[in-house]
Amino acid sequence: MVQSQGDAVLVDYEHQSMHAEYNGQPAPAAGWIETLEYVAGQGLYATVRWTERAKEMIRAGEYRYISPAFNYDNRTGAVSSLISAALTNQRVVKILCEGSIFRLFFPPIGL
């Protein structure tokens, strides 16, 4: 399920890495997803190696949520890979465990 090319998956700020080409703004990393584990009925657990800047921003309450970006099948909605994730303040997925591990849970389509 993870788009892994031998490298960790990027976590940035506000999905800026997807917009940098168009808006010309920098897209610094907030961290790197190093491991992923899917637990049936619970969700997707990720271990993130945060940058010092991101850790401080999370601790200070400047960011509270993670927003994942996925590739998916347009017909079925089935997720095929994780492209990246972003720190955000839009309620998507709450950061758990003081920013060292986060949990994602996506119920099956139709529920």
PDB file of N, CA and C in Angstrom:
ATOM      1  N   MET A   1       0.810  -1.194   0.000  1.00  0.00           N
ATOM      2  CA  MET A   1       0.000   0.000   0.000  1.00  0.00           C
ATOM      3  C   MET A   1       0.857   1.263   0.000  1.00  0.00           C
ATOM      4  N   VAL A   2       2.021   1.221   0.572  1.00  0.00           N
ATOM      5  CA  VAL A   2       2.884   2.408   0.636  1.00  0.00           C
ATOM      6  C   VAL A   2       3.669   2.529  -0.653  1.00  0.00           C
ATOM      7  N   GLN A   3       3.744   3.740  -1.148  1.00  0.00           N
ATOM      8  CA  GLN A   3       4.579   3.989  -2.303  1.00  0.00           C
ATOM      9  C   GLN A   3       6.000   4.091  -1.794  1.00  0.00           C
ATOM     10  N   SER A   4       6.678   2.970  -1.799  1.00  0.00           N
ATOM     11  CA  SER A   4       8.025   2.938  -1.259  1.00  0.00           C
ATOM     12  C   SER A   4       9.008   2.652  -2.373  1.00  0.00           C
ATOM     13  N   GLN A   5       9.956   3.511  -2.518  1.00  0.00           N
ATOM     14  CA  GLN A   5      11.008   3.327  -3.497  1.00  0.00           C
ATOM     15  C   GLN A   5      12.331   3.213  -2.754  1.00  0.00           C
ATOM     16  N   GLY A   6      12.259   2.578  -1.598  1.00  0.00           N
ATOM     17  CA  GLY A   6      13.448   2.442  -0.776  1.00  0.00           C
ATOM     18  C   GLY A   6      13.701   3.648   0.102  1.00  0.00           C
ATOM     19  N   ASP A   7      12.895   4.669  -0.028  1.00  0.00           N
ATOM     20  CA  ASP A   7      13.066   5.894   0.737  1.00  0.00           C
ATOM     21  C   ASP A   7      11.875   6.098   1.661  1.00  0.00           C
ATOM     22  N   ALA A   8      12.074   6.941   2.642  1.00  0.00           N
ATOM     23  CA  ALA A   8      10.973   7.328   3.526  1.00  0.00           C
ATOM     24  C   ALA A   8      10.003   8.219   2.755  1.00  0.00           C
ATOM     25  N   VAL A   9       8.767   8.294   3.225  1.00  0.00           N
ATOM     26  CA  VAL A   9       7.728   9.105   2.585  1.00  0.00           C
ATOM     27  C   VAL A   9       7.705  10.490   3.225  1.00  0.00           C
ATOM     28  N   LEU A  10       7.676  11.514   2.410  1.00  0.00           N
ATOM     29  CA  LEU A  10       7.704  12.910   2.851  1.00  0.00           C
ATOM     30  C   LEU A  10       6.474  13.297   3.657  1.00  0.00           C
ATOM     31  N   VAL A  11       6.714  14.036   4.740  1.00  0.00           N
ATOM     32  CA  VAL A  11       5.667  14.795   5.429  1.00  0.00           C
ATOM     33  C   VAL A  11       6.094  16.256   5.314  1.00  0.00           C
ATOM     34  N   ASP A  12       5.256  17.087   4.733  1.00  0.00           N
ATOM     35  CA  ASP A  12       5.592  18.507   4.593  1.00  0.00           C
ATOM     36  C   ASP A  12       4.573  19.356   5.349  1.00  0.00           C
ATOM     37  N   TYR A  13       4.551  20.636   5.061  1.00  0.00           N
ATOM     38  CA  TYR A  13       3.605  21.565   5.683  1.00  0.00           C
ATOM     39  C   TYR A  13       2.544  21.942   4.658  1.00  0.00           C
ATOM     40  N   GLU A  14       1.280  21.730   4.995  1.00  0.00           N
ATOM     41  CA  GLU A  14       0.150  22.177   4.168  1.00  0.00           C
ATOM     42  C   GLU A  14       0.209  21.680   2.718  1.00  0.00           C
ATOM     43  N   HIS A  15       0.807  20.526   2.478  1.00  0.00           N
ATOM     44  CA  HIS A  15       0.930  19.939   1.128  1.00  0.00           C
ATOM     45  C   HIS A  15       1.685  20.851   0.160  1.00  0.00           C
ATOM     46  N   GLN A  16       2.586  21.653   0.691  1.00  0.00           N
ATOM     47  CA  GLN A  16       3.308  22.604  -0.154  1.00  0.00           C
ATOM     48  C   GLN A  16       4.130  21.915  -1.244  1.00  0.00           C
ATOM     49  N   SER A  17       4.605  20.691  -1.001  1.00  0.00           N
ATOM     50  CA  SER A  17       5.394  20.012  -2.033  1.00  0.00           C
ATOM     51  C   SER A  17       4.575  19.770  -3.301  1.00  0.00           C
ATOM     52  N   MET A  18       3.258  19.729  -3.180  1.00  0.00           N
ATOM     53  CA  MET A  18       2.391  19.537  -4.349  1.00  0.00           C
ATOM     54  C   MET A  18       2.111  20.853  -5.071  1.00  0.00           C
ATOM     55  N   HIS A  19       2.406  21.969  -4.418  1.00  0.00           N
ATOM     56  CA  HIS A  19       2.091  23.282  -4.981  1.00  0.00           C
ATOM     57  C   HIS A  19       3.325  24.112  -5.336  1.00  0.00           C
ATOM     58  N   ALA A  20       4.497  23.669  -4.907  1.00  0.00           N
ATOM     59  CA  ALA A  20       5.719  24.470  -5.065  1.00  0.00           C
ATOM     60  C   ALA A  20       6.010  24.820  -6.520  1.00  0.00           C
ATOM     61  N   GLU A  21       5.768  23.906  -7.425  1.00  0.00           N
ATOM     62  CA  GLU A  21       6.032  24.158  -8.838  1.00  0.00           C
ATOM     63  C   GLU A  21       5.189  25.326  -9.367  1.00  0.00           C
ATOM     64  N   TYR A  22       3.994  25.478  -8.819  1.00  0.00           N
ATOM     65  CA  TYR A  22       3.070  26.504  -9.301  1.00  0.00           C
ATOM     66  C   TYR A  22       3.170  27.823  -8.549  1.00  0.00           C
ATOM     67  N   ASN A  23       3.455  27.748  -7.233  1.00  0.00           N
ATOM     68  CA  ASN A  23       3.484  29.007  -6.473  1.00  0.00           C
ATOM     69  C   ASN A  23       4.894  29.501  -6.163  1.00  0.00           C
ATOM     70  N   GLY A  24       5.904  28.696  -6.481  1.00  0.00           N
ATOM     71  CA  GLY A  24       7.281  29.129  -6.309  1.00  0.00           C
ATOM     72  C   GLY A  24       7.767  29.206  -4.876  1.00  0.00           C
ATOM     73  N   GLN A  25       6.961  28.769  -3.933  1.00  0.00           N
ATOM     74  CA  GLN A  25       7.340  28.815  -2.521  1.00  0.00           C
ATOM     75  C   GLN A  25       8.135  27.565  -2.142  1.00  0.00           C
ATOM     76  N   PRO A  26       8.991  27.651  -1.128  1.00  0.00           N
ATOM     77  CA  PRO A  26       9.746  26.471  -0.694  1.00  0.00           C
ATOM     78  C   PRO A  26       8.811  25.425  -0.085  1.00  0.00           C
ATOM     79  N   ALA A  27       9.281  24.189  -0.098  1.00  0.00           N
ATOM     80  CA  ALA A  27       8.492  23.071   0.439  1.00  0.00           C
ATOM     81  C   ALA A  27       9.368  22.241   1.379  1.00  0.00           C
ATOM     82  N   PRO A  28       9.696  22.800   2.546  1.00  0.00           N
ATOM     83  CA  PRO A  28      10.569  22.060   3.460  1.00  0.00           C
ATOM     84  C   PRO A  28       9.874  20.832   4.042  1.00  0.00           C
ATOM     85  N   ALA A  29      10.668  19.846   4.358  1.00  0.00           N
ATOM     86  CA  ALA A  29      10.149  18.646   5.009  1.00  0.00           C
ATOM     87  C   ALA A  29       9.846  18.947   6.467  1.00  0.00           C
ATOM     88  N   ALA A  30       8.735  18.393   6.949  1.00  0.00           N
ATOM     89  CA  ALA A  30       8.414  18.417   8.376  1.00  0.00           C
ATOM     90  C   ALA A  30       8.870  17.116   9.014  1.00  0.00           C
ATOM     91  N   GLY A  31       9.017  16.107   8.191  1.00  0.00           N
ATOM     92  CA  GLY A  31       9.454  14.803   8.679  1.00  0.00           C
ATOM     93  C   GLY A  31       9.397  13.777   7.580  1.00  0.00           C
ATOM     94  N   TRP A  32       9.679  12.545   7.972  1.00  0.00           N
ATOM     95  CA  TRP A  32       9.726  11.429   7.025  1.00  0.00           C
ATOM     96  C   TRP A  32       9.049  10.221   7.655  1.00  0.00           C
ATOM     97  N   ILE A  33       8.087   9.649   6.951  1.00  0.00           N
ATOM     98  CA  ILE A  33       7.446   8.424   7.409  1.00  0.00           C
ATOM     99  C   ILE A  33       8.418   7.290   7.140  1.00  0.00           C
ATOM    100  N   GLU A  34       8.855   6.643   8.211  1.00  0.00           N
ATOM    101  CA  GLU A  34       9.861   5.594   8.083  1.00  0.00           C
ATOM    102  C   GLU A  34       9.273   4.193   8.075  1.00  0.00           C
ATOM    103  N   THR A  35       8.169   3.991   8.806  1.00  0.00           N
ATOM    104  CA  THR A  35       7.527   2.679   8.805  1.00  0.00           C
ATOM    105  C   THR A  35       6.016   2.861   8.799  1.00  0.00           C
ATOM    106  N   LEU A  36       5.343   1.906   8.188  1.00  0.00           N
ATOM    107  CA  LEU A  36       3.886   1.871   8.160  1.00  0.00           C
ATOM    108  C   LEU A  36       3.432   0.469   8.505  1.00  0.00           C
ATOM    109  N   GLU A  37       2.347   0.388   9.258  1.00  0.00           N
ATOM    110  CA  GLU A  37       1.762  -0.903   9.572  1.00  0.00           C
ATOM    111  C   GLU A  37       0.250  -0.760   9.566  1.00  0.00           C
ATOM    112  N   TYR A  38      -0.413  -1.599   8.779  1.00  0.00           N
ATOM    113  CA  TYR A  38      -1.867  -1.606   8.753  1.00  0.00           C
ATOM    114  C   TYR A  38      -2.370  -2.642   9.748  1.00  0.00           C
ATOM    115  N   VAL A  39      -3.260  -2.234  10.638  1.00  0.00           N
ATOM    116  CA  VAL A  39      -3.880  -3.133  11.604  1.00  0.00           C
ATOM    117  C   VAL A  39      -5.357  -3.202  11.246  1.00  0.00           C
ATOM    118  N   ALA A  40      -5.804  -4.383  10.823  1.00  0.00           N
ATOM    119  CA  ALA A  40      -7.189  -4.565  10.387  1.00  0.00           C
ATOM    120  C   ALA A  40      -8.161  -4.064  11.444  1.00  0.00           C
ATOM    121  N   GLY A  41      -9.136  -3.281  11.000  1.00  0.00           N
ATOM    122  CA  GLY A  41     -10.160  -2.761  11.887  1.00  0.00           C
ATOM    123  C   GLY A  41      -9.729  -1.563  12.716  1.00  0.00           C
ATOM    124  N   GLN A  42      -8.454  -1.209  12.680  1.00  0.00           N
ATOM    125  CA  GLN A  42      -7.966  -0.073  13.457  1.00  0.00           C
ATOM    126  C   GLN A  42      -7.470   1.049  12.565  1.00  0.00           C
ATOM    127  N   GLY A  43      -6.620   0.732  11.618  1.00  0.00           N
ATOM    128  CA  GLY A  43      -6.110   1.764  10.736  1.00  0.00           C
ATOM    129  C   GLY A  43      -4.656   1.558  10.398  1.00  0.00           C
ATOM    130  N   LEU A  44      -4.068   2.615   9.896  1.00  0.00           N
ATOM    131  CA  LEU A  44      -2.695   2.612   9.438  1.00  0.00           C
ATOM    132  C   LEU A  44      -1.845   3.376  10.445  1.00  0.00           C
ATOM    133  N   TYR A  45      -0.849   2.703  10.997  1.00  0.00           N
ATOM    134  CA  TYR A  45       0.049   3.323  11.964  1.00  0.00           C
ATOM    135  C   TYR A  45       1.354   3.684  11.266  1.00  0.00           C
ATOM    136  N   ALA A  46       1.852   4.861  11.525  1.00  0.00           N
ATOM    137  CA  ALA A  46       3.088   5.318  10.896  1.00  0.00           C
ATOM    138  C   ALA A  46       4.052   5.833  11.947  1.00  0.00           C
ATOM    139  N   THR A  47       5.310   5.505  11.768  1.00  0.00           N
ATOM    140  CA  THR A  47       6.368   6.076  12.592  1.00  0.00           C
ATOM    141  C   THR A  47       7.027   7.176  11.770  1.00  0.00           C
ATOM    142  N   VAL A  48       7.076   8.380  12.348  1.00  0.00           N
ATOM    143  CA  VAL A  48       7.603   9.541  11.640  1.00  0.00           C
ATOM    144  C   VAL A  48       8.858  10.042  12.329  1.00  0.00           C
ATOM    145  N   ARG A  49       9.877  10.321  11.547  1.00  0.00           N
ATOM    146  CA  ARG A  49      11.070  11.004  12.048  1.00  0.00           C
ATOM    147  C   ARG A  49      10.860  12.489  11.746  1.00  0.00           C
ATOM    148  N   TRP A  50      10.455  13.246  12.781  1.00  0.00           N
ATOM    149  CA  TRP A  50      10.149  14.664  12.616  1.00  0.00           C
ATOM    150  C   TRP A  50      11.421  15.499  12.588  1.00  0.00           C
ATOM    151  N   THR A  51      11.381  16.622  11.881  1.00  0.00           N
ATOM    152  CA  THR A  51      12.457  17.602  11.976  1.00  0.00           C
ATOM    153  C   THR A  51      12.313  18.319  13.317  1.00  0.00           C
ATOM    154  N   GLU A  52      13.370  18.948  13.778  1.00  0.00           N
ATOM    155  CA  GLU A  52      13.303  19.690  15.047  1.00  0.00           C
ATOM    156  C   GLU A  52      12.254  20.800  14.965  1.00  0.00           C
ATOM    157  N   ARG A  53      12.204  21.488  13.835  1.00  0.00           N
ATOM    158  CA  ARG A  53      11.221  22.570  13.652  1.00  0.00           C
ATOM    159  C   ARG A  53       9.800  22.029  13.776  1.00  0.00           C
ATOM    160  N   ALA A  54       9.517  20.911  13.134  1.00  0.00           N
ATOM    161  CA  ALA A  54       8.166  20.335  13.193  1.00  0.00           C
ATOM    162  C   ALA A  54       7.826  19.888  14.609  1.00  0.00           C
ATOM    163  N   LYS A  55       8.778  19.262  15.304  1.00  0.00           N
ATOM    164  CA  LYS A  55       8.526  18.836  16.690  1.00  0.00           C
ATOM    165  C   LYS A  55       8.108  20.022  17.544  1.00  0.00           C
ATOM    166  N   GLU A  56       8.823  21.128  17.395  1.00  0.00           N
ATOM    167  CA  GLU A  56       8.525  22.319  18.190  1.00  0.00           C
ATOM    168  C   GLU A  56       7.146  22.875  17.831  1.00  0.00           C
ATOM    169  N   MET A  57       6.823  22.893  16.557  1.00  0.00           N
ATOM    170  CA  MET A  57       5.521  23.416  16.131  1.00  0.00           C
ATOM    171  C   MET A  57       4.374  22.533  16.639  1.00  0.00           C
ATOM    172  N   ILE A  58       4.579  21.218  16.653  1.00  0.00           N
ATOM    173  CA  ILE A  58       3.568  20.298  17.178  1.00  0.00           C
ATOM    174  C   ILE A  58       3.422  20.498  18.679  1.00  0.00           C
ATOM    175  N   ARG A  59       4.545  20.547  19.395  1.00  0.00           N
ATOM    176  CA  ARG A  59       4.503  20.767  20.852  1.00  0.00           C
ATOM    177  C   ARG A  59       3.810  22.079  21.210  1.00  0.00           C
ATOM    178  N   ALA A  60       4.040  23.114  20.410  1.00  0.00           N
ATOM    179  CA  ALA A  60       3.466  24.440  20.675  1.00  0.00           C
ATOM    180  C   ALA A  60       1.997  24.527  20.247  1.00  0.00           C
ATOM    181  N   GLY A  61       1.484  23.485  19.637  1.00  0.00           N
ATOM    182  CA  GLY A  61       0.097  23.496  19.196  1.00  0.00           C
ATOM    183  C   GLY A  61      -0.131  24.237  17.898  1.00  0.00           C
ATOM    184  N   GLU A  62       0.948  24.522  17.158  1.00  0.00           N
ATOM    185  CA  GLU A  62       0.804  25.233  15.891  1.00  0.00           C
ATOM    186  C   GLU A  62       0.262  24.327  14.800  1.00  0.00           C
ATOM    187  N   TYR A  63       0.475  23.040  14.933  1.00  0.00           N
ATOM    188  CA  TYR A  63      -0.106  22.037  14.031  1.00  0.00           C
ATOM    189  C   TYR A  63      -0.668  20.912  14.876  1.00  0.00           C
ATOM    190  N   ARG A  64      -1.858  20.409  14.482  1.00  0.00           N
ATOM    191  CA  ARG A  64      -2.503  19.337  15.244  1.00  0.00           C
ATOM    192  C   ARG A  64      -2.855  18.116  14.415  1.00  0.00           C
ATOM    193  N   TYR A  65      -2.849  18.249  13.098  1.00  0.00           N
ATOM    194  CA  TYR A  65      -3.354  17.169  12.266  1.00  0.00           C
ATOM    195  C   TYR A  65      -2.400  16.797  11.145  1.00  0.00           C
ATOM    196  N   ILE A  66      -2.620  15.590  10.626  1.00  0.00           N
ATOM    197  CA  ILE A  66      -1.898  15.063   9.469  1.00  0.00           C
ATOM    198  C   ILE A  66      -2.918  14.885   8.350  1.00  0.00           C
ATOM    199  N   SER A  67      -2.553  15.269   7.155  1.00  0.00           N
ATOM    200  CA  SER A  67      -3.394  15.065   5.983  1.00  0.00           C
ATOM    201  C   SER A  67      -2.634  14.207   4.987  1.00  0.00           C
ATOM    202  N   PRO A  68      -3.048  12.960   4.801  1.00  0.00           N
ATOM    203  CA  PRO A  68      -2.353  12.093   3.848  1.00  0.00           C
ATOM    204  C   PRO A  68      -2.799  12.380   2.411  1.00  0.00           C
ATOM    205  N   ALA A  69      -1.909  12.147   1.470  1.00  0.00           N
ATOM    206  CA  ALA A  69      -2.235  12.241   0.040  1.00  0.00           C
ATOM    207  C   ALA A  69      -2.018  10.855  -0.553  1.00  0.00           C
ATOM    208  N   PHE A  70      -3.064  10.320  -1.169  1.00  0.00           N
ATOM    209  CA  PHE A  70      -3.038   8.957  -1.700  1.00  0.00           C
ATOM    210  C   PHE A  70      -3.282   8.938  -3.198  1.00  0.00           C
ATOM    211  N   ASN A  71      -2.728   7.920  -3.852  1.00  0.00           N
ATOM    212  CA  ASN A  71      -3.196   7.532  -5.179  1.00  0.00           C
ATOM    213  C   ASN A  71      -4.329   6.556  -4.938  1.00  0.00           C
ATOM    214  N   TYR A  72      -5.343   6.610  -5.786  1.00  0.00           N
ATOM    215  CA  TYR A  72      -6.479   5.701  -5.601  1.00  0.00           C
ATOM    216  C   TYR A  72      -7.117   5.380  -6.942  1.00  0.00           C
ATOM    217  N   ASP A  73      -7.891   4.309  -6.953  1.00  0.00           N
ATOM    218  CA  ASP A  73      -8.620   3.876  -8.132  1.00  0.00           C
ATOM    219  C   ASP A  73      -9.862   4.758  -8.286  1.00  0.00           C
ATOM    220  N   ASN A  74      -9.969   5.484  -9.393  1.00  0.00           N
ATOM    221  CA  ASN A  74     -11.108   6.388  -9.610  1.00  0.00           C
ATOM    222  C   ASN A  74     -12.445   5.656  -9.648  1.00  0.00           C
ATOM    223  N   ARG A  75     -12.433   4.409 -10.042  1.00  0.00           N
ATOM    224  CA  ARG A  75     -13.676   3.644 -10.161  1.00  0.00           C
ATOM    225  C   ARG A  75     -14.154   3.125  -8.815  1.00  0.00           C
ATOM    226  N   THR A  76     -13.231   2.548  -8.028  1.00  0.00           N
ATOM    227  CA  THR A  76     -13.628   1.899  -6.772  1.00  0.00           C
ATOM    228  C   THR A  76     -13.342   2.740  -5.538  1.00  0.00           C
ATOM    229  N   GLY A  77     -12.433   3.695  -5.660  1.00  0.00           N
ATOM    230  CA  GLY A  77     -12.024   4.474  -4.499  1.00  0.00           C
ATOM    231  C   GLY A  77     -10.966   3.783  -3.657  1.00  0.00           C
ATOM    232  N   ALA A  78     -10.535   2.595  -4.072  1.00  0.00           N
ATOM    233  CA  ALA A  78      -9.530   1.845  -3.318  1.00  0.00           C
ATOM    234  C   ALA A  78      -8.180   2.555  -3.370  1.00  0.00           C
ATOM    235  N   VAL A  79      -7.561   2.722  -2.219  1.00  0.00           N
ATOM    236  CA  VAL A  79      -6.251   3.357  -2.117  1.00  0.00           C
ATOM    237  C   VAL A  79      -5.193   2.410  -2.654  1.00  0.00           C
ATOM    238  N   SER A  80      -4.304   2.935  -3.501  1.00  0.00           N
ATOM    239  CA  SER A  80      -3.232   2.103  -4.054  1.00  0.00           C
ATOM    240  C   SER A  80      -1.863   2.455  -3.495  1.00  0.00           C
ATOM    241  N   SER A  81      -1.655   3.706  -3.086  1.00  0.00           N
ATOM    242  CA  SER A  81      -0.360   4.071  -2.512  1.00  0.00           C
ATOM    243  C   SER A  81      -0.453   5.397  -1.763  1.00  0.00           C
ATOM    244  N   LEU A  82       0.453   5.566  -0.837  1.00  0.00           N
ATOM    245  CA  LEU A  82       0.595   6.813  -0.092  1.00  0.00           C
ATOM    246  C   LEU A  82       1.638   7.653  -0.810  1.00  0.00           C
ATOM    247  N   ILE A  83       1.258   8.844  -1.236  1.00  0.00           N
ATOM    248  CA  ILE A  83       2.176   9.728  -1.951  1.00  0.00           C
ATOM    249  C   ILE A  83       3.023  10.526  -0.962  1.00  0.00           C
ATOM    250  N   SER A  84       2.345  11.154  -0.015  1.00  0.00           N
ATOM    251  CA  SER A  84       2.993  11.996   0.986  1.00  0.00           C
ATOM    252  C   SER A  84       1.965  12.286   2.064  1.00  0.00           C
ATOM    253  N   ALA A  85       2.368  13.099   3.029  1.00  0.00           N
ATOM    254  CA  ALA A  85       1.448  13.568   4.067  1.00  0.00           C
ATOM    255  C   ALA A  85       1.870  14.984   4.421  1.00  0.00           C
ATOM    256  N   ALA A  86       0.971  15.690   5.106  1.00  0.00           N
ATOM    257  CA  ALA A  86       1.284  17.070   5.455  1.00  0.00           C
ATOM    258  C   ALA A  86       0.761  17.403   6.840  1.00  0.00           C
ATOM    259  N   LEU A  87       1.531  18.205   7.570  1.00  0.00           N
ATOM    260  CA  LEU A  87       1.011  18.818   8.783  1.00  0.00           C
ATOM    261  C   LEU A  87       0.007  19.866   8.344  1.00  0.00           C
ATOM    262  N   THR A  88      -1.120  19.915   9.034  1.00  0.00           N
ATOM    263  CA  THR A  88      -2.179  20.857   8.689  1.00  0.00           C
ATOM    264  C   THR A  88      -3.007  21.160   9.927  1.00  0.00           C
ATOM    265  N   ASN A  89      -3.819  22.181   9.844  1.00  0.00           N
ATOM    266  CA  ASN A  89      -4.751  22.476  10.925  1.00  0.00           C
ATOM    267  C   ASN A  89      -6.187  22.207  10.524  1.00  0.00           C
ATOM    268  N   GLN A  90      -6.363  21.594   9.362  1.00  0.00           N
ATOM    269  CA  GLN A  90      -7.685  21.132   8.952  1.00  0.00           C
ATOM    270  C   GLN A  90      -7.895  19.771   9.575  1.00  0.00           C
ATOM    271  N   ARG A  91      -9.054  19.552  10.152  1.00  0.00           N
ATOM    272  CA  ARG A  91      -9.337  18.295  10.837  1.00  0.00           C
ATOM    273  C   ARG A  91      -9.366  17.148   9.843  1.00  0.00           C
ATOM    274  N   VAL A  92      -8.284  16.408   9.779  1.00  0.00           N
ATOM    275  CA  VAL A  92      -8.193  15.230   8.917  1.00  0.00           C
ATOM    276  C   VAL A  92      -7.880  14.043   9.803  1.00  0.00           C
ATOM    277  N   VAL A  93      -6.643  13.939  10.247  1.00  0.00           N
ATOM    278  CA  VAL A  93      -6.216  12.858  11.127  1.00  0.00           C
ATOM    279  C   VAL A  93      -5.413  13.480  12.254  1.00  0.00           C
ATOM    280  N   LYS A  94      -5.829  13.233  13.493  1.00  0.00           N
ATOM    281  CA  LYS A  94      -5.144  13.821  14.648  1.00  0.00           C
ATOM    282  C   LYS A  94      -3.794  13.168  14.878  1.00  0.00           C
ATOM    283  N   ILE A  95      -2.806  13.956  15.243  1.00  0.00           N
ATOM    284  CA  ILE A  95      -1.490  13.437  15.598  1.00  0.00           C
ATOM    285  C   ILE A  95      -1.591  12.853  16.999  1.00  0.00           C
ATOM    286  N   LEU A  96      -1.142  11.627  17.163  1.00  0.00           N
ATOM    287  CA  LEU A  96      -1.183  10.955  18.450  1.00  0.00           C
ATOM    288  C   LEU A  96       0.225  10.776  19.001  1.00  0.00           C
ATOM    289  N   CYS A  97       0.327  10.462  20.261  1.00  0.00           N
ATOM    290  CA  CYS A  97       1.601  10.125  20.922  1.00  0.00           C
ATOM    291  C   CYS A  97       2.632  11.240  20.800  1.00  0.00           C
ATOM    292  N   GLU A  98       2.219  12.446  21.029  1.00  0.00           N
ATOM    293  CA  GLU A  98       3.113  13.606  21.042  1.00  0.00           C
ATOM    294  C   GLU A  98       3.958  13.723  19.793  1.00  0.00           C
ATOM    295  N   GLY A  99       3.383  13.354  18.659  1.00  0.00           N
ATOM    296  CA  GLY A  99       4.048  13.591  17.386  1.00  0.00           C
ATOM    297  C   GLY A  99       5.050  12.559  16.955  1.00  0.00           C
ATOM    298  N   SER A 100       5.211  11.463  17.675  1.00  0.00           N
ATOM    299  CA  SER A 100       6.180  10.468  17.237  1.00  0.00           C
ATOM    300  C   SER A 100       5.544   9.371  16.390  1.00  0.00           C
ATOM    301  N   ILE A 101       4.284   9.097  16.638  1.00  0.00           N
ATOM    302  CA  ILE A 101       3.552   8.097  15.869  1.00  0.00           C
ATOM    303  C   ILE A 101       2.183   8.685  15.590  1.00  0.00           C
ATOM    304  N   PHE A 102       1.667   8.478  14.402  1.00  0.00           N
ATOM    305  CA  PHE A 102       0.300   8.895  14.177  1.00  0.00           C
ATOM    306  C   PHE A 102      -0.504   7.740  13.625  1.00  0.00           C
ATOM    307  N   ARG A 103      -1.810   7.811  13.812  1.00  0.00           N
ATOM    308  CA  ARG A 103      -2.706   6.751  13.396  1.00  0.00           C
ATOM    309  C   ARG A 103      -3.688   7.290  12.373  1.00  0.00           C
ATOM    310  N   LEU A 104      -3.862   6.558  11.315  1.00  0.00           N
ATOM    311  CA  LEU A 104      -4.844   6.896  10.297  1.00  0.00           C
ATOM    312  C   LEU A 104      -5.865   5.772  10.237  1.00  0.00           C
ATOM    313  N   PHE A 105      -7.133   6.119  10.157  1.00  0.00           N
ATOM    314  CA  PHE A 105      -8.135   5.081   9.984  1.00  0.00           C
ATOM    315  C   PHE A 105      -9.093   5.533   8.906  1.00  0.00           C
ATOM    316  N   PHE A 106      -9.216   4.738   7.885  1.00  0.00           N
ATOM    317  CA  PHE A 106     -10.107   5.025   6.781  1.00  0.00           C
ATOM    318  C   PHE A 106     -11.084   3.870   6.654  1.00  0.00           C
ATOM    319  N   PRO A 107     -12.361   4.084   6.982  1.00  0.00           N
ATOM    320  CA  PRO A 107     -13.321   2.996   6.869  1.00  0.00           C
ATOM    321  C   PRO A 107     -13.510   2.594   5.415  1.00  0.00           C
ATOM    322  N   PRO A 108     -13.945   1.368   5.170  1.00  0.00           N
ATOM    323  CA  PRO A 108     -14.200   0.927   3.806  1.00  0.00           C
ATOM    324  C   PRO A 108     -15.230   1.828   3.116  1.00  0.00           C
ATOM    325  N   ILE A 109     -15.116   1.959   1.802  1.00  0.00           N
ATOM    326  CA  ILE A 109     -16.055   2.761   1.018  1.00  0.00           C
ATOM    327  C   ILE A 109     -17.465   2.235   1.251  1.00  0.00           C
ATOM    328  N   GLY A 110     -18.411   3.131   1.417  1.00  0.00           N
ATOM    329  CA  GLY A 110     -19.803   2.737   1.579  1.00  0.00           C
ATOM    330  C   GLY A 110     -20.274   2.699   3.013  1.00  0.00           C
ATOM    331  N   LEU A 111     -19.374   2.862   3.974  1.00  0.00           N
ATOM    332  CA  LEU A 111     -19.792   2.859   5.378  1.00  0.00           C
ATOM    333  C   LEU A 111     -20.048   4.259   5.861  1.00  0.00           C
TER     334      LEU A 111
END
